[in-house]
Amino acid sequence: MSFDTRTLYVLTCHTPHGSIFYVGATRNLRRRLCEHNSGAGGSAWTRHWRRRGHVWRVATTEQVPLSTAGLHEDMHTLNLVRMYG
């Protein structure tokens, strides 16, 4: 991965209630996934499910150039949210 891009990612977690999703953005996906799964980092949403023993996995990723960050990245994020809920 190049440092002039940001990775938009969708994580999935399988629960007894079905699959749930989380959409995020990072420059270092490996580190960010570890933070979400450690229970000590990540968002409140991912910590909530991690504390219940669920593991987050990468469902899909998309590279967005930093030069087009902002509105362009927001559009890509919204598209991912629409696809995954």
Protein backbone atom coordinates (compact mmCIF):
# COMPACT_ATOMS: atom_id res chain seq x y z
CA MET A 1 0.00 0.00 0.00
CA SER A 2 1.22 3.46 -0.85
CA PHE A 3 1.26 6.26 1.72
CA ASP A 4 -0.40 8.58 -0.78
CA THR A 5 -3.63 6.56 -0.49
CA ARG A 6 -6.09 5.81 2.23
CA THR A 7 -7.84 2.47 2.49
CA LEU A 8 -11.58 2.48 2.94
CA TYR A 9 -12.56 -0.83 4.48
CA VAL A 10 -15.58 -2.82 5.54
CA LEU A 11 -15.28 -5.19 8.48
CA THR A 12 -17.76 -7.96 9.13
CA CYS A 13 -18.57 -9.76 12.34
CA HIS A 14 -20.84 -12.81 12.53
CA THR A 15 -23.17 -12.86 15.54
CA PRO A 16 -26.12 -15.04 16.54
CA HIS A 17 -28.30 -12.19 15.22
CA GLY A 18 -26.64 -12.23 11.78
CA SER A 19 -23.73 -10.41 10.18
CA ILE A 20 -22.95 -6.84 11.19
CA PHE A 21 -20.65 -4.42 9.41
CA TYR A 22 -18.35 -1.51 10.16
CA VAL A 23 -17.03 0.96 7.56
CA GLY A 24 -13.79 2.83 8.25
CA ALA A 25 -10.74 4.47 6.68
CA THR A 26 -7.04 4.12 7.48
CA ARG A 27 -3.56 4.31 6.04
CA ASN A 28 -2.56 1.04 7.73
CA LEU A 29 -5.26 -1.64 7.51
CA ARG A 30 -3.30 -4.35 9.32
CA ARG A 31 -2.71 -2.12 12.35
CA ARG A 32 -6.31 -0.87 12.33
CA LEU A 33 -7.77 -4.38 12.17
CA CYS A 34 -5.60 -5.38 15.14
CA GLU A 35 -6.90 -2.35 17.06
CA HIS A 36 -10.51 -3.31 16.33
CA ASN A 37 -9.90 -6.93 17.39
CA SER A 38 -7.83 -6.15 20.49
CA GLY A 39 -10.81 -4.65 22.29
CA ALA A 40 -8.54 -1.84 23.48
CA GLY A 41 -8.68 0.23 20.31
CA GLY A 42 -11.06 0.72 17.46
CA SER A 43 -14.46 2.31 17.60
CA ALA A 44 -17.03 1.93 20.35
CA TRP A 45 -19.16 -0.13 17.92
CA THR A 46 -16.40 -2.68 17.25
CA ARG A 47 -15.38 -2.82 20.94
CA HIS A 48 -19.01 -3.54 21.87
CA TRP A 49 -19.06 -6.70 19.75
CA ARG A 50 -15.45 -7.67 20.48
CA ARG A 51 -16.16 -7.72 24.24
CA ARG A 52 -18.83 -10.31 23.46
CA GLY A 53 -16.24 -12.57 21.87
CA HIS A 54 -16.82 -11.77 18.19
CA VAL A 55 -13.91 -11.33 15.77
CA TRP A 56 -13.85 -8.71 13.03
CA ARG A 57 -12.73 -9.73 9.53
CA VAL A 58 -12.13 -7.64 6.42
CA ALA A 59 -15.02 -7.95 3.96
CA THR A 60 -13.73 -5.56 1.30
CA THR A 61 -11.32 -2.67 0.76
CA GLU A 62 -11.03 0.24 -1.64
CA GLN A 63 -8.05 2.54 -2.19
CA VAL A 64 -8.74 6.28 -2.29
CA PRO A 65 -5.98 8.76 -3.23
CA LEU A 66 -5.28 11.27 -0.46
CA SER A 67 -5.25 13.99 -3.10
CA THR A 68 -8.99 13.40 -3.52
CA ALA A 69 -9.73 13.05 0.18
CA GLY A 70 -12.69 14.87 1.60
CA LEU A 71 -15.79 14.86 -0.58
CA HIS A 72 -14.52 12.06 -2.84
CA GLU A 73 -13.72 9.85 0.15
CA ASP A 74 -17.09 10.68 1.70
CA MET A 75 -18.84 9.55 -1.50
CA HIS A 76 -16.97 6.24 -1.48
CA THR A 77 -17.73 5.74 2.22
CA LEU A 78 -21.43 6.43 1.68
CA ASN A 79 -21.50 3.91 -1.17
CA LEU A 80 -19.96 1.26 1.09
CA VAL A 81 -22.45 2.06 3.85
CA ARG A 82 -25.32 1.74 1.38
CA MET A 83 -24.03 -1.64 0.21
CA TYR A 84 -23.31 -3.10 3.66
CA GLY A 85 -25.83 -1.32 5.86
